[in-house]
Amino acid sequence: MILEALGATLLGLALAWATAHRLSHRLPARSLVLSTGPAGALIGAFITHMALGPGHAAATLAGAVAVSAALLSLLLRPTRGRLRHSATA
């Protein structure tokens, strides 16, 4: 479990760093992004580990990356150049 948590944290940090590097113009403060990635990965690893049980390290890490990516996607802001309106507006 300790190695899964460490691996999830490192994967979350790597995903957050890549997101901050690639989409820095659409994200809030870099410190928030770099802390959200590992936190989301730890939460995802915990949930996946509790659902599947021990012995599923690869699936636990996949769940960690999925939750981390989902939380990082919530930080994205729309681009400033164009505003989209719904079809009914």
Protein backbone atom coordinates (compact mmCIF):
# COMPACT_ATOMS: atom_id res chain seq x y z
CA MET A 1 0.00 0.00 0.00
CA ILE A 2 2.88 2.37 0.76
CA LEU A 3 4.42 1.79 -2.67
CA GLU A 4 1.05 2.31 -4.33
CA ALA A 5 0.64 5.62 -2.49
CA LEU A 6 4.14 6.73 -3.45
CA GLY A 7 3.60 5.70 -7.06
CA ALA A 8 0.25 7.45 -7.20
CA THR A 9 1.77 10.62 -5.76
CA LEU A 10 4.58 10.60 -8.32
CA LEU A 11 2.16 9.94 -11.17
CA GLY A 12 -0.13 12.72 -9.98
CA LEU A 13 2.78 15.13 -9.71
CA ALA A 14 4.00 14.20 -13.20
CA LEU A 15 0.51 14.67 -14.62
CA ALA A 16 0.13 18.02 -12.86
CA TRP A 17 3.54 19.20 -14.08
CA ALA A 18 2.73 18.21 -17.66
CA THR A 19 -0.64 19.94 -17.44
CA ALA A 20 0.87 23.09 -15.95
CA HIS A 21 3.56 23.12 -18.62
CA ARG A 22 1.22 22.51 -21.55
CA LEU A 23 -1.87 24.51 -20.49
CA SER A 24 -0.42 27.23 -18.26
CA HIS A 25 -2.46 29.96 -19.97
CA ARG A 26 -5.74 28.25 -19.01
CA LEU A 27 -4.93 27.31 -15.41
CA PRO A 28 -4.90 29.16 -12.09
CA ALA A 29 -1.74 29.47 -9.96
CA ARG A 30 0.94 26.86 -10.62
CA SER A 31 1.13 25.92 -6.93
CA LEU A 32 -2.57 25.03 -6.92
CA VAL A 33 -2.13 22.83 -9.99
CA LEU A 34 0.96 21.10 -8.60
CA SER A 35 -0.81 20.32 -5.34
CA THR A 36 -4.10 19.21 -6.91
CA GLY A 37 -2.46 16.52 -9.05
CA PRO A 38 -0.89 14.47 -6.25
CA ALA A 39 -3.86 15.03 -3.92
CA GLY A 40 -6.26 13.75 -6.57
CA ALA A 41 -4.01 10.80 -7.27
CA LEU A 42 -3.90 9.83 -3.60
CA ILE A 43 -7.67 10.06 -3.34
CA GLY A 44 -8.05 8.00 -6.51
CA ALA A 45 -5.59 5.39 -5.29
CA PHE A 46 -7.40 5.13 -1.96
CA ILE A 47 -10.82 4.73 -3.58
CA THR A 48 -9.56 2.19 -6.13
CA HIS A 49 -7.63 0.23 -3.51
CA MET A 50 -10.68 0.07 -1.24
CA ALA A 51 -12.90 -1.04 -4.12
CA LEU A 52 -10.59 -3.70 -5.55
CA GLY A 53 -8.58 -4.77 -2.53
CA PRO A 54 -4.91 -5.59 -2.33
CA GLY A 55 -3.06 -7.17 -5.23
CA HIS A 56 -4.28 -4.85 -7.98
CA ALA A 57 -1.43 -2.34 -8.14
CA ALA A 58 -1.78 -1.53 -11.84
CA ALA A 59 -5.51 -0.92 -11.55
CA THR A 60 -4.97 1.17 -8.43
CA LEU A 61 -2.49 3.38 -10.25
CA ALA A 62 -4.84 3.67 -13.22
CA GLY A 63 -7.62 4.81 -10.89
CA ALA A 64 -5.23 7.30 -9.31
CA VAL A 65 -4.35 8.81 -12.68
CA ALA A 66 -8.02 8.96 -13.70
CA VAL A 67 -9.11 10.85 -10.58
CA SER A 68 -6.10 13.15 -10.77
CA ALA A 69 -6.86 13.97 -14.41
CA ALA A 70 -10.50 14.59 -13.56
CA LEU A 71 -9.62 17.01 -10.76
CA LEU A 72 -7.08 18.82 -12.93
CA SER A 73 -9.65 19.20 -15.68
CA LEU A 74 -11.91 21.02 -13.22
CA LEU A 75 -9.25 23.73 -12.89
CA LEU A 76 -9.25 24.58 -16.60
CA ARG A 77 -10.71 27.92 -17.61
CA PRO A 78 -12.18 28.63 -21.04
CA THR A 79 -10.01 30.40 -23.58
CA ARG A 80 -10.37 34.17 -23.61
CA GLY A 81 -10.46 34.60 -27.37
CA ARG A 82 -13.85 33.15 -28.09
CA LEU A 83 -16.96 32.74 -26.05
CA ARG A 84 -19.39 30.04 -26.99
CA HIS A 85 -23.10 30.56 -26.68
CA SER A 86 -25.62 27.81 -26.54
CA ALA A 87 -27.91 27.20 -29.49
CA THR A 88 -30.93 28.43 -27.53
CA ALA A 89 -29.38 31.80 -26.64
